[in-house]
All heavy atoms as atom14 arrays in JSON, in Angstrom:
{
  "sequence": "SRVASAHGYDVLLSMVTTQNTKQLRRAVDNHKIDGAILTRTLAEDEP",
  "atom14_mask": [
    [1, 1, 1, 1, 1, 1, 0, 0, 0, 0, 0, 0, 0, 0],
    [1, 1, 1, 1, 1, 1, 1, 1, 1, 1, 1, 0, 0, 0],
    [1, 1, 1, 1, 1, 1, 1, 0, 0, 0, 0, 0, 0, 0],
    [1, 1, 1, 1, 1, 0, 0, 0, 0, 0, 0, 0, 0, 0],
    [1, 1, 1, 1, 1, 1, 0, 0, 0, 0, 0, 0, 0, 0],
    [1, 1, 1, 1, 1, 0, 0, 0, 0, 0, 0, 0, 0, 0],
    [1, 1, 1, 1, 1, 1, 1, 1, 1, 1, 0, 0, 0, 0],
    [1, 1, 1, 1, 0, 0, 0, 0, 0, 0, 0, 0, 0, 0],
    [1, 1, 1, 1, 1, 1, 1, 1, 1, 1, 1, 1, 0, 0],
    [1, 1, 1, 1, 1, 1, 1, 1, 0, 0, 0, 0, 0, 0],
    [1, 1, 1, 1, 1, 1, 1, 0, 0, 0, 0, 0, 0, 0],
    [1, 1, 1, 1, 1, 1, 1, 1, 0, 0, 0, 0, 0, 0],
    [1, 1, 1, 1, 1, 1, 1, 1, 0, 0, 0, 0, 0, 0],
    [1, 1, 1, 1, 1, 1, 0, 0, 0, 0, 0, 0, 0, 0],
    [1, 1, 1, 1, 1, 1, 1, 1, 0, 0, 0, 0, 0, 0],
    [1, 1, 1, 1, 1, 1, 1, 0, 0, 0, 0, 0, 0, 0],
    [1, 1, 1, 1, 1, 1, 1, 0, 0, 0, 0, 0, 0, 0],
    [1, 1, 1, 1, 1, 1, 1, 0, 0, 0, 0, 0, 0, 0],
    [1, 1, 1, 1, 1, 1, 1, 1, 1, 0, 0, 0, 0, 0],
    [1, 1, 1, 1, 1, 1, 1, 1, 0, 0, 0, 0, 0, 0],
    [1, 1, 1, 1, 1, 1, 1, 0, 0, 0, 0, 0, 0, 0],
    [1, 1, 1, 1, 1, 1, 1, 1, 1, 0, 0, 0, 0, 0],
    [1, 1, 1, 1, 1, 1, 1, 1, 1, 0, 0, 0, 0, 0],
    [1, 1, 1, 1, 1, 1, 1, 1, 0, 0, 0, 0, 0, 0],
    [1, 1, 1, 1, 1, 1, 1, 1, 1, 1, 1, 0, 0, 0],
    [1, 1, 1, 1, 1, 1, 1, 1, 1, 1, 1, 0, 0, 0],
    [1, 1, 1, 1, 1, 0, 0, 0, 0, 0, 0, 0, 0, 0],
    [1, 1, 1, 1, 1, 1, 1, 0, 0, 0, 0, 0, 0, 0],
    [1, 1, 1, 1, 1, 1, 1, 1, 0, 0, 0, 0, 0, 0],
    [1, 1, 1, 1, 1, 1, 1, 1, 0, 0, 0, 0, 0, 0],
    [1, 1, 1, 1, 1, 1, 1, 1, 1, 1, 0, 0, 0, 0],
    [1, 1, 1, 1, 1, 1, 1, 1, 1, 0, 0, 0, 0, 0],
    [1, 1, 1, 1, 1, 1, 1, 1, 0, 0, 0, 0, 0, 0],
    [1, 1, 1, 1, 1, 1, 1, 1, 0, 0, 0, 0, 0, 0],
    [1, 1, 1, 1, 0, 0, 0, 0, 0, 0, 0, 0, 0, 0],
    [1, 1, 1, 1, 1, 0, 0, 0, 0, 0, 0, 0, 0, 0],
    [1, 1, 1, 1, 1, 1, 1, 1, 0, 0, 0, 0, 0, 0],
    [1, 1, 1, 1, 1, 1, 1, 1, 0, 0, 0, 0, 0, 0],
    [1, 1, 1, 1, 1, 1, 1, 0, 0, 0, 0, 0, 0, 0],
    [1, 1, 1, 1, 1, 1, 1, 1, 1, 1, 1, 0, 0, 0],
    [1, 1, 1, 1, 1, 1, 1, 0, 0, 0, 0, 0, 0, 0],
    [1, 1, 1, 1, 1, 1, 1, 1, 0, 0, 0, 0, 0, 0],
    [1, 1, 1, 1, 1, 0, 0, 0, 0, 0, 0, 0, 0, 0],
    [1, 1, 1, 1, 1, 1, 1, 1, 1, 0, 0, 0, 0, 0],
    [1, 1, 1, 1, 1, 1, 1, 1, 0, 0, 0, 0, 0, 0],
    [1, 1, 1, 1, 1, 1, 1, 1, 1, 0, 0, 0, 0, 0],
    [1, 1, 1, 1, 1, 1, 1, 0, 0, 0, 0, 0, 0, 0]
  ],
  "atom14_positions": [
    [[0.82, -1.21, 0.0], [0.0, 0.0, 0.0], [0.85, 1.27, 0.0], [0.52, 2.25, -0.67], [-0.95, 0.01, 1.2], [-1.85, -1.08, 1.13], [0.0, 0.0, 0.0], [0.0, 0.0, 0.0], [0.0, 0.0, 0.0], [0.0, 0.0, 0.0], [0.0, 0.0, 0.0], [0.0, 0.0, 0.0], [0.0, 0.0, 0.0], [0.0, 0.0, 0.0]],
    [[1.95, 1.26, 0.74], [2.81, 2.44, 0.8], [3.41, 2.76, -0.56], [3.45, 3.91, -1.0], [3.91, 2.23, 1.84], [3.42, 2.41, 3.27], [4.52, 2.16, 4.28], [4.06, 2.53, 5.62], [4.69, 2.21, 6.74], [5.81, 1.5, 6.67], [4.21, 2.58, 7.91], [0.0, 0.0, 0.0], [0.0, 0.0, 0.0], [0.0, 0.0, 0.0]],
    [[3.87, 1.73, -1.26], [4.46, 1.95, -2.58], [3.39, 2.34, -3.59], [3.57, 3.27, -4.38], [5.22, 0.69, -3.05], [5.69, 0.86, -4.49], [6.4, 0.42, -2.13], [0.0, 0.0, 0.0], [0.0, 0.0, 0.0], [0.0, 0.0, 0.0], [0.0, 0.0, 0.0], [0.0, 0.0, 0.0], [0.0, 0.0, 0.0], [0.0, 0.0, 0.0]],
    [[2.25, 1.63, -3.55], [1.17, 1.93, -4.49], [0.69, 3.37, -4.34], [0.52, 4.11, -5.32], [0.02, 0.95, -4.29], [0.0, 0.0, 0.0], [0.0, 0.0, 0.0], [0.0, 0.0, 0.0], [0.0, 0.0, 0.0], [0.0, 0.0, 0.0], [0.0, 0.0, 0.0], [0.0, 0.0, 0.0], [0.0, 0.0, 0.0], [0.0, 0.0, 0.0]],
    [[0.47, 3.79, -3.1], [-0.02, 5.14, -2.83], [0.97, 6.2, -3.32], [0.58, 7.21, -3.89], [-0.28, 5.3, -1.33], [-0.69, 6.62, -1.03], [0.0, 0.0, 0.0], [0.0, 0.0, 0.0], [0.0, 0.0, 0.0], [0.0, 0.0, 0.0], [0.0, 0.0, 0.0], [0.0, 0.0, 0.0], [0.0, 0.0, 0.0], [0.0, 0.0, 0.0]],
    [[2.24, 5.93, -3.12], [3.26, 6.9, -3.53], [3.31, 7.08, -5.04], [3.77, 8.11, -5.53], [4.64, 6.45, -3.03], [0.0, 0.0, 0.0], [0.0, 0.0, 0.0], [0.0, 0.0, 0.0], [0.0, 0.0, 0.0], [0.0, 0.0, 0.0], [0.0, 0.0, 0.0], [0.0, 0.0, 0.0], [0.0, 0.0, 0.0], [0.0, 0.0, 0.0]],
    [[2.8, 6.09, -5.77], [2.8, 6.17, -7.24], [1.4, 6.42, -7.8], [1.17, 6.25, -9.0], [3.36, 4.87, -7.82], [4.84, 4.72, -7.62], [5.39, 4.29, -6.42], [5.89, 4.96, -8.45], [6.71, 4.26, -6.54], [7.03, 4.67, -7.75], [0.0, 0.0, 0.0], [0.0, 0.0, 0.0], [0.0, 0.0, 0.0], [0.0, 0.0, 0.0]],
    [[0.47, 6.82, -6.94], [-0.86, 7.19, -7.42], [-1.78, 6.04, -7.72], [-2.77, 6.19, -8.45], [0.0, 0.0, 0.0], [0.0, 0.0, 0.0], [0.0, 0.0, 0.0], [0.0, 0.0, 0.0], [0.0, 0.0, 0.0], [0.0, 0.0, 0.0], [0.0, 0.0, 0.0], [0.0, 0.0, 0.0], [0.0, 0.0, 0.0], [0.0, 0.0, 0.0]],
    [[-1.5, 4.87, -7.14], [-2.34, 3.7, -7.37], [-3.17, 3.38, -6.13], [-2.74, 3.65, -5.0], [-1.48, 2.48, -7.71], [-1.03, 2.42, -9.15], [0.06, 3.18, -9.58], [-1.68, 1.62, -10.08], [0.49, 3.13, -10.9], [-1.26, 1.56, -11.4], [-0.17, 2.32, -11.8], [0.24, 2.27, -13.1], [0.0, 0.0, 0.0], [0.0, 0.0, 0.0]],
    [[-4.33, 2.79, -6.35], [-5.16, 2.27, -5.26], [-5.08, 0.75, -5.28], [-4.77, 0.13, -6.3], [-6.62, 2.71, -5.43], [-6.79, 4.2, -5.2], [-6.13, 4.74, -4.3], [-7.57, 4.83, -5.94], [0.0, 0.0, 0.0], [0.0, 0.0, 0.0], [0.0, 0.0, 0.0], [0.0, 0.0, 0.0], [0.0, 0.0, 0.0], [0.0, 0.0, 0.0]],
    [[-5.39, 0.16, -4.14], [-5.3, -1.29, -3.98], [-6.69, -1.88, -3.81], [-7.48, -1.41, -2.99], [-4.42, -1.65, -2.77], [-4.5, -3.14, -2.46], [-2.98, -1.24, -3.01], [0.0, 0.0, 0.0], [0.0, 0.0, 0.0], [0.0, 0.0, 0.0], [0.0, 0.0, 0.0], [0.0, 0.0, 0.0], [0.0, 0.0, 0.0], [0.0, 0.0, 0.0]],
    [[-6.99, -2.9, -4.6], [-8.23, -3.66, -4.46], [-7.91, -5.04, -3.89], [-7.01, -5.71, -4.4], [-8.93, -3.83, -5.82], [-9.31, -2.56, -6.58], [-10.0, -2.94, -7.89], [-10.22, -1.68, -5.75], [0.0, 0.0, 0.0], [0.0, 0.0, 0.0], [0.0, 0.0, 0.0], [0.0, 0.0, 0.0], [0.0, 0.0, 0.0], [0.0, 0.0, 0.0]],
    [[-8.62, -5.44, -2.85], [-8.41, -6.77, -2.28], [-9.26, -7.8, -3.0], [-10.44, -7.57, -3.27], [-8.76, -6.77, -0.79], [-7.92, -5.87, 0.11], [-8.34, -6.05, 1.56], [-6.44, -6.16, -0.05], [0.0, 0.0, 0.0], [0.0, 0.0, 0.0], [0.0, 0.0, 0.0], [0.0, 0.0, 0.0], [0.0, 0.0, 0.0], [0.0, 0.0, 0.0]],
    [[-8.64, -8.91, -3.31], [-9.37, -9.98, -3.99], [-9.11, -11.28, -3.23], [-7.97, -11.75, -3.16], [-8.89, -10.1, -5.44], [-9.62, -11.07, -6.14], [0.0, 0.0, 0.0], [0.0, 0.0, 0.0], [0.0, 0.0, 0.0], [0.0, 0.0, 0.0], [0.0, 0.0, 0.0], [0.0, 0.0, 0.0], [0.0, 0.0, 0.0], [0.0, 0.0, 0.0]],
    [[-10.16, -11.84, -2.64], [-10.02, -13.07, -1.86], [-10.25, -14.27, -2.77], [-11.22, -14.32, -3.53], [-11.04, -13.09, -0.72], [-11.01, -11.87, 0.17], [-9.46, -11.68, 1.07], [-9.6, -13.03, 2.25], [0.0, 0.0, 0.0], [0.0, 0.0, 0.0], [0.0, 0.0, 0.0], [0.0, 0.0, 0.0], [0.0, 0.0, 0.0], [0.0, 0.0, 0.0]],
    [[-9.35, -15.25, -2.7], [-9.47, -16.44, -3.54], [-9.18, -17.69, -2.72], [-8.56, -17.63, -1.66], [-8.49, -16.39, -4.73], [-8.74, -15.18, -5.62], [-7.04, -16.41, -4.25], [0.0, 0.0, 0.0], [0.0, 0.0, 0.0], [0.0, 0.0, 0.0], [0.0, 0.0, 0.0], [0.0, 0.0, 0.0], [0.0, 0.0, 0.0], [0.0, 0.0, 0.0]],
    [[-9.63, -18.82, -3.24], [-9.22, -20.13, -2.74], [-8.87, -20.96, -3.96], [-9.05, -20.52, -5.1], [-10.35, -20.82, -1.94], [-11.45, -21.08, -2.83], [-10.83, -19.94, -0.79], [0.0, 0.0, 0.0], [0.0, 0.0, 0.0], [0.0, 0.0, 0.0], [0.0, 0.0, 0.0], [0.0, 0.0, 0.0], [0.0, 0.0, 0.0], [0.0, 0.0, 0.0]],
    [[-8.39, -22.17, -3.74], [-8.06, -23.02, -4.88], [-9.3, -23.39, -5.69], [-9.23, -23.67, -6.87], [-7.37, -24.32, -4.4], [-8.18, -24.93, -3.38], [-6.0, -24.02, -3.85], [0.0, 0.0, 0.0], [0.0, 0.0, 0.0], [0.0, 0.0, 0.0], [0.0, 0.0, 0.0], [0.0, 0.0, 0.0], [0.0, 0.0, 0.0], [0.0, 0.0, 0.0]],
    [[-10.47, -23.34, -5.02], [-11.71, -23.69, -5.71], [-12.5, -22.47, -6.18], [-13.38, -22.59, -7.04], [-12.63, -24.53, -4.79], [-12.11, -25.91, -4.45], [-11.09, -25.9, -3.33], [-11.09, -25.02, -2.49], [-10.21, -26.88, -3.33], [0.0, 0.0, 0.0], [0.0, 0.0, 0.0], [0.0, 0.0, 0.0], [0.0, 0.0, 0.0], [0.0, 0.0, 0.0]],
    [[-12.21, -21.3, -5.65], [-13.04, -20.13, -5.95], [-12.17, -18.91, -6.25], [-11.53, -18.35, -5.36], [-13.96, -19.85, -4.76], [-14.99, -18.76, -5.09], [-14.84, -18.0, -6.04], [-16.04, -18.69, -4.29], [0.0, 0.0, 0.0], [0.0, 0.0, 0.0], [0.0, 0.0, 0.0], [0.0, 0.0, 0.0], [0.0, 0.0, 0.0], [0.0, 0.0, 0.0]],
    [[-12.15, -18.5, -7.5], [-11.38, -17.31, -7.91], [-12.3, -16.25, -8.51], [-11.86, -15.42, -9.29], [-10.29, -17.7, -8.93], [-10.93, -18.31, -10.08], [-9.29, -18.68, -8.35], [0.0, 0.0, 0.0], [0.0, 0.0, 0.0], [0.0, 0.0, 0.0], [0.0, 0.0, 0.0], [0.0, 0.0, 0.0], [0.0, 0.0, 0.0], [0.0, 0.0, 0.0]],
    [[-13.57, -16.27, -8.11], [-14.55, -15.38, -8.73], [-14.21, -13.91, -8.58], [-14.36, -13.13, -9.53], [-15.94, -15.65, -8.14], [-16.57, -16.96, -8.6], [-17.97, -17.14, -8.01], [-18.6, -18.44, -8.48], [-19.95, -18.64, -7.89], [0.0, 0.0, 0.0], [0.0, 0.0, 0.0], [0.0, 0.0, 0.0], [0.0, 0.0, 0.0], [0.0, 0.0, 0.0]],
    [[-13.79, -13.48, -7.39], [-13.48, -12.07, -7.17], [-12.37, -11.6, -8.11], [-12.45, -10.53, -8.72], [-13.07, -11.81, -5.73], [-14.23, -11.63, -4.77], [-13.77, -11.03, -3.44], [-12.59, -10.75, -3.25], [-14.7, -10.87, -2.51], [0.0, 0.0, 0.0], [0.0, 0.0, 0.0], [0.0, 0.0, 0.0], [0.0, 0.0, 0.0], [0.0, 0.0, 0.0]],
    [[-11.33, -12.41, -8.22], [-10.21, -12.06, -9.09], [-10.65, -12.06, -10.55], [-10.31, -11.13, -11.31], [-9.07, -13.05, -8.88], [-7.83, -12.86, -9.76], [-7.22, -11.48, -9.54], [-6.8, -13.96, -9.47], [0.0, 0.0, 0.0], [0.0, 0.0, 0.0], [0.0, 0.0, 0.0], [0.0, 0.0, 0.0], [0.0, 0.0, 0.0], [0.0, 0.0, 0.0]],
    [[-11.4, -13.05, -10.95], [-11.88, -13.13, -12.33], [-12.76, -11.92, -12.68], [-12.66, -11.36, -13.78], [-12.66, -14.43, -12.55], [-11.81, -15.67, -12.55], [-12.63, -16.94, -12.66], [-11.79, -18.11, -12.64], [-11.22, -18.66, -13.72], [-11.44, -18.13, -14.91], [-10.46, -19.72, -13.6], [0.0, 0.0, 0.0], [0.0, 0.0, 0.0], [0.0, 0.0, 0.0]],
    [[-13.59, -11.51, -11.73], [-14.47, -10.36, -11.98], [-13.66, -9.08, -12.16], [-13.94, -8.27, -13.05], [-15.46, -10.23, -10.82], [-16.59, -9.23, -11.09], [-17.78, -9.48, -10.17], [-17.4, -9.48, -8.77], [-17.49, -10.56, -7.98], [-17.96, -11.69, -8.44], [-17.14, -10.47, -6.7], [0.0, 0.0, 0.0], [0.0, 0.0, 0.0], [0.0, 0.0, 0.0]],
    [[-12.63, -8.9, -11.35], [-11.8, -7.71, -11.46], [-11.08, -7.66, -12.8], [-10.96, -6.6, -13.42], [-10.79, -7.67, -10.32], [0.0, 0.0, 0.0], [0.0, 0.0, 0.0], [0.0, 0.0, 0.0], [0.0, 0.0, 0.0], [0.0, 0.0, 0.0], [0.0, 0.0, 0.0], [0.0, 0.0, 0.0], [0.0, 0.0, 0.0], [0.0, 0.0, 0.0]],
    [[-10.62, -8.82, -13.25], [-9.92, -8.89, -14.54], [-10.89, -8.73, -15.7], [-10.67, -7.92, -16.62], [-9.15, -10.22, -14.66], [-8.6, -10.39, -16.08], [-8.02, -10.28, -13.65], [0.0, 0.0, 0.0], [0.0, 0.0, 0.0], [0.0, 0.0, 0.0], [0.0, 0.0, 0.0], [0.0, 0.0, 0.0], [0.0, 0.0, 0.0], [0.0, 0.0, 0.0]],
    [[-11.99, -9.47, -15.68], [-12.95, -9.45, -16.79], [-13.59, -8.07, -16.96], [-13.92, -7.66, -18.08], [-14.04, -10.5, -16.57], [-13.5, -11.92, -16.66], [-12.39, -12.09, -17.19], [-14.17, -12.85, -16.19], [0.0, 0.0, 0.0], [0.0, 0.0, 0.0], [0.0, 0.0, 0.0], [0.0, 0.0, 0.0], [0.0, 0.0, 0.0], [0.0, 0.0, 0.0]],
    [[-13.76, -7.34, -15.86], [-14.37, -6.01, -15.92], [-13.33, -4.9, -16.07], [-13.66, -3.71, -15.96], [-15.21, -5.75, -14.67], [-16.44, -6.64, -14.6], [-16.94, -7.1, -15.63], [-16.93, -6.9, -13.41], [0.0, 0.0, 0.0], [0.0, 0.0, 0.0], [0.0, 0.0, 0.0], [0.0, 0.0, 0.0], [0.0, 0.0, 0.0], [0.0, 0.0, 0.0]],
    [[-12.1, -5.3, -16.32], [-11.01, -4.33, -16.56], [-10.87, -3.32, -15.42], [-10.67, -2.13, -15.64], [-11.25, -3.59, -17.9], [-11.45, -4.51, -19.06], [-10.43, -5.24, -19.62], [-12.58, -4.84, -19.74], [-10.91, -5.97, -20.63], [-12.21, -5.75, -20.72], [0.0, 0.0, 0.0], [0.0, 0.0, 0.0], [0.0, 0.0, 0.0], [0.0, 0.0, 0.0]],
    [[-10.93, -3.83, -14.2], [-10.83, -2.96, -13.03], [-9.4, -2.78, -12.53], [-9.15, -1.93, -11.67], [-11.69, -3.53, -11.89], [-13.19, -3.43, -12.13], [-13.95, -3.96, -10.92], [-15.45, -3.79, -11.09], [-16.21, -4.3, -9.9], [0.0, 0.0, 0.0], [0.0, 0.0, 0.0], [0.0, 0.0, 0.0], [0.0, 0.0, 0.0], [0.0, 0.0, 0.0]],
    [[-8.48, -3.59, -13.01], [-7.11, -3.54, -12.49], [-6.09, -3.48, -13.62], [-6.35, -3.94, -14.74], [-6.81, -4.76, -11.6], [-6.96, -6.06, -12.4], [-7.67, -4.76, -10.35], [-6.5, -7.31, -11.66], [0.0, 0.0, 0.0], [0.0, 0.0, 0.0], [0.0, 0.0, 0.0], [0.0, 0.0, 0.0], [0.0, 0.0, 0.0], [0.0, 0.0, 0.0]],
    [[-4.93, -2.91, -13.3], [-3.81, -2.88, -14.25], [-2.86, -4.04, -14.02], [-2.14, -4.45, -14.93], [-3.04, -1.57, -14.12], [-3.88, -0.37, -14.47], [-4.77, -0.48, -15.34], [-3.67, 0.7, -13.86], [0.0, 0.0, 0.0], [0.0, 0.0, 0.0], [0.0, 0.0, 0.0], [0.0, 0.0, 0.0], [0.0, 0.0, 0.0], [0.0, 0.0, 0.0]],
    [[-2.83, -4.56, -12.79], [-1.94, -5.65, -12.46], [-2.33, -6.25, -11.13], [-3.24, -5.77, -10.46], [0.0, 0.0, 0.0], [0.0, 0.0, 0.0], [0.0, 0.0, 0.0], [0.0, 0.0, 0.0], [0.0, 0.0, 0.0], [0.0, 0.0, 0.0], [0.0, 0.0, 0.0], [0.0, 0.0, 0.0], [0.0, 0.0, 0.0], [0.0, 0.0, 0.0]],
    [[-1.63, -7.33, -10.75], [-2.0, -8.04, -9.52], [-0.77, -8.54, -8.79], [0.29, -8.75, -9.39], [-2.94, -9.21, -9.84], [0.0, 0.0, 0.0], [0.0, 0.0, 0.0], [0.0, 0.0, 0.0], [0.0, 0.0, 0.0], [0.0, 0.0, 0.0], [0.0, 0.0, 0.0], [0.0, 0.0, 0.0], [0.0, 0.0, 0.0], [0.0, 0.0, 0.0]],
    [[-0.92, -8.73, -7.48], [0.13, -9.31, -6.64], [-0.46, -10.5, -5.9], [-1.42, -10.35, -5.14], [0.68, -8.29, -5.63], [1.32, -7.1, -6.36], [1.7, -8.95, -4.69], [1.75, -5.98, -5.43], [0.0, 0.0, 0.0], [0.0, 0.0, 0.0], [0.0, 0.0, 0.0], [0.0, 0.0, 0.0], [0.0, 0.0, 0.0], [0.0, 0.0, 0.0]],
    [[0.09, -11.68, -6.15], [-0.3, -12.87, -5.39], [0.49, -12.9, -4.1], [1.71, -12.72, -4.1], [0.0, -14.14, -6.19], [-0.84, -14.41, -7.45], [-0.3, -15.64, -8.18], [-2.3, -14.61, -7.09], [0.0, 0.0, 0.0], [0.0, 0.0, 0.0], [0.0, 0.0, 0.0], [0.0, 0.0, 0.0], [0.0, 0.0, 0.0], [0.0, 0.0, 0.0]],
    [[-0.17, -13.13, -2.98], [0.53, -13.1, -1.69], [0.88, -14.49, -1.17], [1.43, -14.61, -0.08], [-0.32, -12.37, -0.64], [-1.61, -12.99, -0.55], [-0.5, -10.9, -1.02], [0.0, 0.0, 0.0], [0.0, 0.0, 0.0], [0.0, 0.0, 0.0], [0.0, 0.0, 0.0], [0.0, 0.0, 0.0], [0.0, 0.0, 0.0], [0.0, 0.0, 0.0]],
    [[0.56, -15.54, -1.95], [0.94, -16.89, -1.55], [1.03, -17.77, -2.79], [0.26, -17.59, -3.74], [-0.07, -17.47, -0.56], [0.34, -18.85, -0.03], [-0.51, -19.27, 1.15], [-1.86, -19.63, 0.79], [-2.8, -19.95, 1.68], [-2.54, -19.91, 2.96], [-4.02, -20.28, 1.28], [0.0, 0.0, 0.0], [0.0, 0.0, 0.0], [0.0, 0.0, 0.0]],
    [[1.97, -18.69, -2.81], [2.08, -19.61, -3.94], [1.84, -21.04, -3.46], [2.27, -21.42, -2.37], [3.47, -19.53, -4.6], [4.49, -19.77, -3.61], [3.69, -18.16, -5.22], [0.0, 0.0, 0.0], [0.0, 0.0, 0.0], [0.0, 0.0, 0.0], [0.0, 0.0, 0.0], [0.0, 0.0, 0.0], [0.0, 0.0, 0.0], [0.0, 0.0, 0.0]],
    [[1.16, -21.8, -4.3], [0.81, -23.19, -3.97], [1.33, -24.12, -5.05], [1.62, -23.71, -6.18], [-0.71, -23.33, -3.86], [-1.43, -22.45, -2.84], [-2.93, -22.61, -2.99], [-0.99, -22.82, -1.42], [0.0, 0.0, 0.0], [0.0, 0.0, 0.0], [0.0, 0.0, 0.0], [0.0, 0.0, 0.0], [0.0, 0.0, 0.0], [0.0, 0.0, 0.0]],
    [[1.42, -25.4, -4.71], [1.85, -26.39, -5.69], [0.84, -26.46, -6.84], [1.23, -26.51, -8.02], [1.99, -27.75, -5.02], [0.0, 0.0, 0.0], [0.0, 0.0, 0.0], [0.0, 0.0, 0.0], [0.0, 0.0, 0.0], [0.0, 0.0, 0.0], [0.0, 0.0, 0.0], [0.0, 0.0, 0.0], [0.0, 0.0, 0.0], [0.0, 0.0, 0.0]],
    [[-0.43, -26.46, -6.52], [-1.5, -26.4, -7.53], [-2.18, -25.05, -7.36], [-3.05, -24.88, -6.5], [-2.49, -27.55, -7.34], [-1.9, -28.92, -7.58], [-1.43, -29.1, -9.02], [-2.08, -28.53, -9.92], [-0.42, -29.8, -9.24], [0.0, 0.0, 0.0], [0.0, 0.0, 0.0], [0.0, 0.0, 0.0], [0.0, 0.0, 0.0], [0.0, 0.0, 0.0]],
    [[-1.78, -24.08, -8.15], [-2.15, -22.68, -7.92], [-3.13, -22.18, -8.99], [-2.73, -21.7, -10.05], [-0.89, -21.82, -7.92], [-1.07, -20.53, -7.13], [-2.11, -19.89, -7.34], [-0.18, -20.19, -6.33], [0.0, 0.0, 0.0], [0.0, 0.0, 0.0], [0.0, 0.0, 0.0], [0.0, 0.0, 0.0], [0.0, 0.0, 0.0], [0.0, 0.0, 0.0]],
    [[-4.43, -22.28, -8.71], [-5.44, -21.87, -9.68], [-5.43, -20.36, -9.95], [-5.55, -19.94, -11.1], [-6.84, -22.31, -9.2], [-7.05, -23.81, -9.22], [-6.81, -24.4, -10.6], [-7.2, -23.78, -11.61], [-6.19, -25.48, -10.68], [0.0, 0.0, 0.0], [0.0, 0.0, 0.0], [0.0, 0.0, 0.0], [0.0, 0.0, 0.0], [0.0, 0.0, 0.0]],
    [[-5.31, -19.49, -8.93], [-5.23, -18.05, -9.22], [-4.06, -17.72, -10.14], [-4.19, -16.89, -11.04], [-5.05, -17.43, -7.83], [-5.66, -18.41, -6.89], [-5.35, -19.75, -7.47], [0.0, 0.0, 0.0], [0.0, 0.0, 0.0], [0.0, 0.0, 0.0], [0.0, 0.0, 0.0], [0.0, 0.0, 0.0], [0.0, 0.0, 0.0], [0.0, 0.0, 0.0]]
  ]
}
């Protein structure tokens, strides 16, 4: 958030699970974001 704010960006939170990525898909499909940061990596990583 500190880096994003300093560069004029806002942060949108997107909650996902291995079975449910609807929030992230909606943000992407509706062109609401320029990029994303994954905060955890999994062996089988659907997001």
